Amino acid sequence: MGRLEPIASGFDHESAGLQEPAILNARFSGLTAERLIERALTEIFPGRIALVSSFGAESSVLLHLVASIDRGVPVVFMDTLRLFPETLAYRDTLVERLGLTDVRTITPEPAVLAKADPYKALWMTDADACCRIRKTEPLARAMEGFEAWFTGRKRFQAATRAAIQAFEQDGARIKVNPLASWSAEDLKAYIVRHELPPHPLVAQGYPSIGCQPCTSKVKPGEDARAGRWRGLDKTECGIHLGLENDGSGI
């Protein structure tokens, strides 16, 4: 994919600042996912944006889109130490297939785990706390120095995501959601067109994949994320509720 010419009116990063997702949406949300990603990488947040990926069921699409423009974009992967072995293997498969050169696998602090979850059972008594120490706090530290991050969230995934925009405020950072308007059919077509390997658990009934203890199979007709924290009043791990509100101090 070739480089794009700047928008005629240009983009004044300094005047718009990072606190104005409405301005970013007005200027760029009408672009295709490919062009939006390129703008973010080369014009809006050059050298200051990372891709945060779970290497889950639909992750290959966004990873492929970004790698098609720049294989050296930092990719932050949060290994909670409770993931499915298939997810770790899938990460390695995609890294090799896409030629990603800067994948940063982040893990929880051993001392924090030893104190707060010594028996690996915290998920049973306080799932929010488990997500916080294994995912959101380590990820918040990993995001220091970045002004923005790509996410793979789509509106169709759940009722709680139905209104997401291409750009969203996340504390001092901006979340960029290039696939916000994509449908499940769009994703499938892209995967087929580019012959991207599927996550091995998708065929087993897991359309949304997180940590092993808190992920179950989804029944026909259920929300794609119905298998996440089943039976709990919980729909997100916390990273999309604001990294700066997770107690990490960032």
Protein backbone atom coordinates (compact mmCIF):
# COMPACT_ATOMS: atom_id res chain seq x y z
CA MET A 1 0.00 0.00 0.00
CA GLY A 2 1.51 3.32 -1.02
CA ARG A 3 1.77 6.41 1.09
CA LEU A 4 -1.17 8.80 0.97
CA GLU A 5 -1.02 12.48 0.21
CA PRO A 6 -1.87 14.72 3.18
CA ILE A 7 -5.43 15.95 3.53
CA ALA A 8 -5.70 19.31 1.78
CA SER A 9 -6.39 21.23 4.98
CA GLY A 10 -3.70 19.38 6.87
CA PHE A 11 -3.93 18.26 10.48
CA ASP A 12 -2.68 20.58 13.20
CA HIS A 13 -1.71 18.11 15.91
CA GLU A 14 -0.74 20.85 18.34
CA SER A 15 -3.94 22.86 18.06
CA ALA A 16 -6.23 19.84 18.15
CA GLY A 17 -4.35 18.28 21.01
CA LEU A 18 -4.99 14.83 22.40
CA GLN A 19 -8.13 15.85 24.26
CA GLU A 20 -10.30 16.29 21.18
CA PRO A 21 -11.51 12.94 19.79
CA ALA A 22 -14.49 14.82 18.31
CA ILE A 23 -12.10 16.72 16.03
CA LEU A 24 -10.34 13.51 15.05
CA ASN A 25 -13.63 11.79 14.31
CA ALA A 26 -14.84 14.72 12.23
CA ARG A 27 -11.69 14.70 10.13
CA PHE A 28 -10.86 11.03 9.81
CA SER A 29 -13.67 8.66 10.78
CA GLY A 30 -15.01 8.59 7.22
CA LEU A 31 -11.81 6.98 5.96
CA THR A 32 -11.44 3.29 5.29
CA ALA A 33 -9.71 1.28 8.00
CA GLU A 34 -6.53 1.15 5.91
CA ARG A 35 -6.36 4.90 5.41
CA LEU A 36 -7.30 5.68 8.98
CA ILE A 37 -4.47 3.45 10.21
CA GLU A 38 -2.00 5.10 7.87
CA ARG A 39 -3.05 8.57 8.97
CA ALA A 40 -2.66 7.59 12.61
CA LEU A 41 0.80 6.13 12.00
CA THR A 42 2.24 8.81 9.75
CA GLU A 43 0.34 12.01 10.39
CA ILE A 44 -1.57 12.09 13.69
CA PHE A 45 0.59 10.08 16.11
CA PRO A 46 3.86 9.33 14.25
CA GLY A 47 6.12 7.26 16.51
CA ARG A 48 3.71 7.66 19.41
CA ILE A 49 1.15 4.92 18.86
CA ALA A 50 1.10 1.21 19.67
CA LEU A 51 -1.21 -1.64 18.79
CA VAL A 52 -2.59 -3.51 21.79
CA SER A 53 -3.58 -7.02 20.76
CA SER A 54 -4.97 -10.04 22.58
CA PHE A 55 -4.09 -12.30 19.63
CA GLY A 56 -7.64 -13.51 20.01
CA ALA A 57 -10.36 -14.69 17.66
CA GLU A 58 -10.43 -11.63 15.37
CA SER A 59 -6.99 -10.16 16.04
CA SER A 60 -5.43 -11.23 12.75
CA VAL A 61 -7.37 -8.59 10.78
CA LEU A 62 -6.08 -5.51 12.60
CA LEU A 63 -2.59 -6.99 12.91
CA HIS A 64 -2.52 -7.63 9.17
CA LEU A 65 -3.80 -4.16 8.33
CA VAL A 66 -1.15 -2.49 10.48
CA ALA A 67 1.66 -4.81 9.34
CA SER A 68 0.77 -4.04 5.72
CA ILE A 69 1.75 -0.44 6.42
CA ASP A 70 4.55 -0.88 8.97
CA ARG A 71 5.71 -4.19 10.42
CA GLY A 72 7.71 -2.33 13.05
CA VAL A 73 4.76 -0.76 14.86
CA PRO A 74 4.99 -1.70 18.57
CA VAL A 75 2.52 -4.48 19.36
CA VAL A 76 1.75 -4.88 23.05
CA PHE A 77 0.52 -8.31 24.10
CA MET A 78 -0.64 -8.85 27.67
CA ASP A 79 0.14 -12.38 28.84
CA THR A 80 -1.87 -12.70 32.04
CA LEU A 81 -0.28 -16.11 32.71
CA ARG A 82 -3.81 -17.57 32.61
CA LEU A 83 -4.26 -17.65 28.83
CA PHE A 84 -5.11 -20.68 26.75
CA PRO A 85 -1.98 -22.41 25.40
CA GLU A 86 -3.61 -22.09 21.97
CA THR A 87 -3.52 -18.30 22.27
CA LEU A 88 0.22 -18.26 22.94
CA ALA A 89 0.79 -20.57 19.98
CA TYR A 90 -1.44 -18.40 17.81
CA ARG A 91 0.57 -15.33 18.78
CA ASP A 92 3.74 -17.01 17.58
CA THR A 93 2.06 -18.09 14.35
CA LEU A 94 0.83 -14.58 13.52
CA VAL A 95 4.11 -12.91 14.46
CA GLU A 96 5.95 -15.14 12.02
CA ARG A 97 3.31 -14.97 9.31
CA LEU A 98 2.99 -11.17 9.38
CA GLY A 99 6.66 -10.43 9.99
CA LEU A 100 5.99 -8.32 13.09
CA THR A 101 9.28 -7.02 14.45
CA ASP A 102 8.36 -5.30 17.72
CA VAL A 103 5.98 -7.51 19.71
CA ARG A 104 6.21 -6.76 23.42
CA THR A 105 4.85 -9.52 25.64
CA ILE A 106 3.99 -8.04 29.03
CA THR A 107 3.35 -10.11 32.17
CA PRO A 108 2.06 -9.26 35.66
CA GLU A 109 4.50 -8.37 38.42
CA PRO A 110 5.55 -11.58 40.25
CA ALA A 111 5.52 -9.83 43.63
CA VAL A 112 1.98 -8.56 43.05
CA LEU A 113 0.76 -12.04 42.06
CA ALA A 114 2.46 -13.63 45.07
CA LYS A 115 0.69 -11.24 47.40
CA ALA A 116 -2.73 -10.88 45.79
CA ASP A 117 -3.24 -14.20 44.03
CA PRO A 118 -0.85 -16.83 45.43
CA TYR A 119 -3.20 -19.74 44.65
CA LYS A 120 -4.37 -18.51 41.21
CA ALA A 121 -7.94 -18.44 42.50
CA LEU A 122 -8.63 -14.70 42.67
CA TRP A 123 -10.78 -14.94 39.54
CA MET A 124 -13.29 -16.98 41.54
CA THR A 125 -13.76 -14.42 44.31
CA ASP A 126 -13.00 -11.07 42.67
CA ALA A 127 -12.79 -11.17 38.88
CA ASP A 128 -12.30 -7.40 38.63
CA ALA A 129 -9.29 -7.51 40.92
CA CYS A 130 -7.87 -10.44 38.98
CA CYS A 131 -8.17 -8.52 35.70
CA ARG A 132 -6.63 -5.46 37.31
CA ILE A 133 -3.44 -7.11 38.59
CA ARG A 134 -3.00 -9.44 35.62
CA LYS A 135 -3.99 -7.13 32.79
CA THR A 136 -4.87 -3.48 33.28
CA GLU A 137 -2.10 -2.44 35.67
CA PRO A 138 0.70 -4.13 33.66
CA LEU A 139 -0.73 -2.78 30.41
CA ALA A 140 -0.94 0.75 31.82
CA ARG A 141 2.77 0.59 32.63
CA ALA A 142 3.56 -0.78 29.17
CA MET A 143 1.73 2.15 27.57
CA GLU A 144 3.89 4.79 29.19
CA GLY A 145 5.40 6.98 26.49
CA PHE A 146 2.63 6.39 23.96
CA GLU A 147 -0.02 8.97 23.13
CA ALA A 148 -2.43 6.58 21.43
CA TRP A 149 -3.18 2.93 20.82
CA PHE A 150 -5.00 0.86 18.22
CA THR A 151 -7.73 -1.49 19.42
CA GLY A 152 -9.73 -4.07 17.48
CA ARG A 153 -13.11 -3.31 19.03
CA LYS A 154 -16.19 -3.46 16.82
CA ARG A 155 -19.71 -2.18 17.43
CA PHE A 156 -21.36 -5.49 16.63
CA GLN A 157 -19.47 -7.38 19.34
CA ALA A 158 -21.73 -6.41 22.24
CA ALA A 159 -24.38 -3.93 23.31
CA THR A 160 -21.75 -2.16 25.44
CA ARG A 161 -19.73 -1.45 22.28
CA ALA A 162 -22.57 -0.39 19.99
CA ALA A 163 -21.70 3.31 20.09
CA ILE A 164 -17.90 3.27 19.89
CA GLN A 165 -16.28 5.77 17.55
CA ALA A 166 -13.09 5.65 15.51
CA PHE A 167 -11.36 7.84 18.11
CA GLU A 168 -12.07 7.83 21.84
CA GLN A 169 -10.53 9.50 24.85
CA ASP A 170 -8.70 7.22 27.27
CA GLY A 171 -7.31 9.40 30.03
CA ALA A 172 -4.32 11.19 28.57
CA ARG A 173 -4.36 8.94 25.50
CA ILE A 174 -6.52 8.36 22.45
CA LYS A 175 -7.89 4.96 21.52
CA VAL A 176 -8.07 4.39 17.78
CA ASN A 177 -10.68 1.86 16.63
CA PRO A 178 -10.20 1.38 12.87
CA LEU A 179 -12.63 -1.56 12.73
CA ALA A 180 -15.43 0.05 14.74
CA SER A 181 -17.91 -0.07 11.86
CA TRP A 182 -16.92 -3.48 10.50
CA SER A 183 -19.39 -6.35 10.62
CA ALA A 184 -18.71 -10.00 11.29
CA GLU A 185 -19.11 -10.59 7.56
CA ASP A 186 -16.49 -7.91 6.80
CA LEU A 187 -14.02 -9.65 9.08
CA LYS A 188 -14.66 -13.07 7.59
CA ALA A 189 -14.29 -11.74 4.05
CA TYR A 190 -10.99 -10.05 4.91
CA ILE A 191 -9.63 -13.17 6.58
CA VAL A 192 -10.54 -15.31 3.58
CA ARG A 193 -9.18 -12.79 1.06
CA HIS A 194 -5.82 -12.59 2.80
CA GLU A 195 -5.75 -16.25 3.84
CA LEU A 196 -5.16 -15.42 7.48
CA PRO A 197 -4.91 -18.36 9.90
CA PRO A 198 -7.78 -18.66 12.39
CA HIS A 199 -7.37 -18.90 16.13
CA PRO A 200 -7.62 -22.66 16.80
CA LEU A 201 -10.30 -22.21 19.48
CA VAL A 202 -12.81 -20.46 17.20
CA ALA A 203 -13.82 -23.74 15.56
CA GLN A 204 -14.41 -25.17 19.02
CA GLY A 205 -17.09 -22.60 19.87
CA TYR A 206 -15.07 -19.69 21.28
CA PRO A 207 -15.80 -16.53 19.22
CA SER A 208 -14.30 -14.33 21.97
CA ILE A 209 -11.25 -15.55 23.84
CA GLY A 210 -9.73 -14.27 27.05
CA CYS A 211 -8.20 -15.99 30.05
CA GLN A 212 -8.90 -19.70 30.30
CA PRO A 213 -10.76 -19.72 33.66
CA CYS A 214 -13.14 -16.95 32.59
CA THR A 215 -13.88 -17.97 29.01
CA SER A 216 -16.55 -20.48 28.01
CA LYS A 217 -18.08 -21.64 24.75
CA VAL A 218 -20.86 -19.56 23.21
CA LYS A 219 -24.18 -21.12 22.25
CA PRO A 220 -25.89 -20.43 18.90
CA GLY A 221 -27.74 -17.13 19.01
CA GLU A 222 -25.81 -15.76 21.98
CA ASP A 223 -23.82 -12.54 21.96
CA ALA A 224 -20.29 -13.20 20.70
CA ARG A 225 -18.94 -12.16 24.10
CA ALA A 226 -21.46 -14.15 26.14
CA GLY A 227 -18.76 -16.61 27.07
CA ARG A 228 -16.65 -14.01 28.83
CA TRP A 229 -17.17 -13.97 32.61
CA ARG A 230 -20.35 -15.98 32.20
CA GLY A 231 -22.73 -15.55 35.12
CA LEU A 232 -21.09 -12.36 36.34
CA ASP A 233 -22.16 -8.75 35.98
CA LYS A 234 -18.99 -8.07 34.03
CA THR A 235 -18.49 -7.45 30.32
CA GLU A 236 -15.00 -5.93 30.08
CA CYS A 237 -11.62 -6.77 31.58
CA GLY A 238 -11.02 -3.11 32.35
CA ILE A 239 -8.57 -1.89 29.74
CA HIS A 240 -11.40 -0.29 27.75
CA LEU A 241 -12.82 1.39 30.84
CA GLY A 242 -9.79 3.68 31.03
CA LEU A 243 -6.23 2.71 31.88
CA GLU A 244 -5.92 5.76 34.06
CA ASN A 245 -8.78 4.69 36.30
CA ASP A 246 -7.46 1.26 37.17
CA GLY A 247 -5.44 2.16 40.24
CA SER A 248 -2.12 1.93 38.45
CA GLY A 249 -1.20 5.53 39.13
CA ILE A 250 -0.82 6.45 35.47
